[in-house]
């Protein structure tokens, strides 16, 4: 895991992943780490945002401490695939999904659903790649003890340098 200057557990729901791209996923001990080369958003009222506007981090990570020791028990991933009979949901193992993200694909986060007093979080995403069909909808359901968002710097929205 990288060392970062700032970390927050997003208790006030003012860190946003919408339209952010994950370029790698790693697993260290019992922590699933989503790497964002271009970062994620902090709301203008976030305690660590001194820019007084929606801010964008540079390189950053979302670290999810998993509930159970077996990663496959903690993480369920569904890819949606179009067939002649409609959309089909296909489950994919975590290790295979991590390999795909690290090799050729990017994961765009669209929506985050996290219940109150629950250890589950659901991410609706799109998996992007360079060949037809170019992207596929996917859902990640994760059993999480804690989620931490880590970064070093902030930029006004629209700038990353």
Protein backbone atom coordinates (compact mmCIF):
# COMPACT_ATOMS: atom_id res chain seq x y z
CA UNK A 1 0.00 0.00 0.00
CA UNK A 2 1.18 3.48 -0.80
CA UNK A 3 1.55 6.08 1.92
CA UNK A 4 -0.76 9.05 1.47
CA UNK A 5 -1.00 12.40 3.27
CA UNK A 6 -4.79 12.28 3.62
CA UNK A 7 -7.30 9.57 4.46
CA UNK A 8 -11.02 9.66 5.18
CA UNK A 9 -13.75 7.05 5.75
CA UNK A 10 -16.43 9.20 4.07
CA UNK A 11 -18.81 9.21 7.04
CA UNK A 12 -20.40 12.44 5.73
CA UNK A 13 -20.83 11.00 2.21
CA UNK A 14 -18.90 13.85 0.60
CA UNK A 15 -16.39 11.76 -1.35
CA UNK A 16 -17.68 10.75 -4.79
CA UNK A 17 -16.54 8.08 -7.25
CA UNK A 18 -19.07 8.95 -10.01
CA UNK A 19 -17.28 9.08 -13.40
CA UNK A 20 -13.96 8.06 -11.83
CA UNK A 21 -11.79 5.36 -13.39
CA UNK A 22 -9.99 2.60 -11.51
CA UNK A 23 -6.90 1.42 -13.39
CA UNK A 24 -5.81 -1.39 -11.02
CA UNK A 25 -7.13 -3.52 -8.18
CA UNK A 26 -4.85 -5.24 -5.69
CA UNK A 27 -5.37 -7.37 -2.60
CA UNK A 28 -3.02 -6.98 0.36
CA UNK A 29 -3.70 -9.04 3.44
CA UNK A 30 -7.44 -8.54 3.98
CA UNK A 31 -7.69 -5.20 2.17
CA UNK A 32 -8.97 -4.76 -1.38
CA UNK A 33 -7.37 -1.68 -2.96
CA UNK A 34 -8.81 0.20 -5.94
CA UNK A 35 -6.18 2.43 -7.58
CA UNK A 36 -7.27 5.65 -9.29
CA UNK A 37 -4.56 7.20 -11.48
CA UNK A 38 -6.64 10.36 -11.92
CA UNK A 39 -8.33 10.33 -8.52
CA UNK A 40 -11.85 10.90 -7.23
CA UNK A 41 -13.98 13.85 -6.08
CA UNK A 42 -14.27 15.60 -2.71
CA UNK A 43 -17.29 17.80 -2.10
CA UNK A 44 -16.70 21.49 -1.44
CA UNK A 45 -17.80 21.08 2.20
CA UNK A 46 -15.44 18.18 2.95
CA UNK A 47 -13.32 18.98 6.03
CA UNK A 48 -10.05 18.32 4.14
CA UNK A 49 -11.03 20.40 1.08
CA UNK A 50 -9.67 23.93 1.38
CA UNK A 51 -10.48 24.89 -2.23
CA UNK A 52 -14.10 25.96 -1.54
CA UNK A 53 -15.24 24.13 -4.69
CA UNK A 54 -15.70 20.55 -5.82
CA UNK A 55 -12.18 19.12 -5.85
CA UNK A 56 -10.48 16.26 -7.63
CA UNK A 57 -7.62 14.29 -6.12
CA UNK A 58 -4.57 13.24 -8.04
CA UNK A 59 -3.44 9.63 -7.83
CA UNK A 60 -5.39 7.96 -5.03
CA UNK A 61 -6.76 4.75 -3.58
CA UNK A 62 -9.96 3.38 -2.10
CA UNK A 63 -9.07 0.75 0.50
CA UNK A 64 -11.74 -1.72 1.55
CA UNK A 65 -11.05 -3.77 4.64
CA UNK A 66 -12.90 -7.02 4.04
CA UNK A 67 -15.13 -8.67 6.66
CA UNK A 68 -14.08 -12.27 6.02
CA UNK A 69 -10.62 -13.73 5.41
CA UNK A 70 -11.63 -15.38 2.11
CA UNK A 71 -11.84 -12.63 -0.56
CA UNK A 72 -14.29 -14.65 -2.67
CA UNK A 73 -16.75 -14.71 0.24
CA UNK A 74 -16.49 -10.91 0.56
CA UNK A 75 -16.73 -9.92 -3.09
CA UNK A 76 -19.34 -10.85 -5.69
CA UNK A 77 -18.90 -9.46 -9.21
CA UNK A 78 -21.50 -9.63 -11.95
CA UNK A 79 -20.84 -8.68 -15.58
CA UNK A 80 -23.83 -8.01 -17.80
CA UNK A 81 -23.69 -9.55 -21.26
CA UNK A 82 -26.05 -9.00 -24.14
CA UNK A 83 -27.40 -12.18 -25.73
CA UNK A 84 -30.09 -12.81 -28.34
CA UNK A 85 -32.53 -13.42 -25.46
CA UNK A 86 -31.67 -10.17 -23.62
CA UNK A 87 -29.20 -9.26 -20.93
CA UNK A 88 -27.54 -12.08 -19.02
CA UNK A 89 -25.77 -11.69 -15.65
CA UNK A 90 -22.46 -13.56 -15.45
CA UNK A 91 -20.57 -13.96 -12.16
CA UNK A 92 -16.80 -13.55 -12.42
CA UNK A 93 -14.22 -14.50 -9.75
CA UNK A 94 -12.37 -11.65 -8.04
CA UNK A 95 -8.90 -12.79 -9.17
CA UNK A 96 -9.98 -12.91 -12.81
CA UNK A 97 -11.60 -9.47 -12.53
CA UNK A 98 -8.47 -8.01 -10.90
CA UNK A 99 -6.33 -9.47 -13.69
CA UNK A 100 -8.56 -7.92 -16.36
CA UNK A 101 -8.38 -4.47 -14.75
CA UNK A 102 -4.60 -4.64 -14.38
CA UNK A 103 -4.00 -5.82 -17.96
CA UNK A 104 -6.26 -4.01 -20.37
CA UNK A 105 -9.44 -2.63 -18.91
CA UNK A 106 -10.60 0.28 -16.79
CA UNK A 107 -13.42 0.28 -14.30
CA UNK A 108 -15.64 3.37 -14.31
CA UNK A 109 -17.65 3.91 -11.14
CA UNK A 110 -21.20 5.13 -11.71
CA UNK A 111 -23.14 4.71 -8.46
CA UNK A 112 -22.39 3.70 -4.88
CA UNK A 113 -25.04 2.26 -2.57
CA UNK A 114 -24.13 1.81 1.06
CA UNK A 115 -26.68 0.94 3.69
CA UNK A 116 -26.82 2.37 7.18
CA UNK A 117 -25.60 0.00 9.89
CA UNK A 118 -24.57 -2.61 7.33
CA UNK A 119 -21.27 -4.01 6.20
CA UNK A 120 -22.22 -4.24 2.52
CA UNK A 121 -21.55 -1.78 -0.26
CA UNK A 122 -22.75 -2.08 -3.86
CA UNK A 123 -20.99 -0.37 -6.77
CA UNK A 124 -22.60 -0.04 -10.20
CA UNK A 125 -19.85 0.33 -12.75
CA UNK A 126 -18.88 -0.01 -16.38
CA UNK A 127 -15.91 -2.06 -17.52
CA UNK A 128 -14.19 -0.32 -20.47
CA UNK A 129 -11.93 -1.98 -23.02
CA UNK A 130 -10.53 -1.38 -26.52
CA UNK A 131 -12.57 -3.84 -28.58
CA UNK A 132 -16.24 -4.52 -29.28
CA UNK A 133 -18.52 -4.15 -27.31
CA UNK A 134 -16.12 -1.55 -25.75
CA UNK A 135 -17.87 -1.58 -22.36
CA UNK A 136 -20.00 -3.77 -20.16
CA UNK A 137 -22.08 -2.94 -17.14
CA UNK A 138 -20.98 -4.61 -13.94
CA UNK A 139 -21.98 -4.76 -10.28
CA UNK A 140 -19.64 -5.25 -7.33
CA UNK A 141 -21.14 -6.32 -3.99
CA UNK A 142 -18.55 -6.16 -1.21
CA UNK A 143 -18.71 -7.05 2.49
CA UNK A 144 -16.65 -4.27 4.07
CA UNK A 145 -15.56 -3.60 7.64
CA UNK A 146 -14.31 -0.15 6.64
CA UNK A 147 -13.68 1.86 3.50
CA UNK A 148 -10.90 4.45 3.45
CA UNK A 149 -10.21 6.97 0.70
CA UNK A 150 -6.56 8.05 0.46
CA UNK A 151 -4.88 10.87 -1.51
CA UNK A 152 -2.04 13.40 -1.48
CA UNK A 153 -3.32 16.50 -3.22
CA UNK A 154 -6.44 18.30 -4.45
CA UNK A 155 -7.19 20.24 -7.61
CA UNK A 156 -10.25 22.28 -8.61
CA UNK A 157 -12.63 20.12 -10.65
CA UNK A 158 -11.47 19.81 -14.25
CA UNK A 159 -7.74 20.02 -13.45
CA UNK A 160 -5.34 17.31 -12.35
CA UNK A 161 -2.12 19.32 -12.36
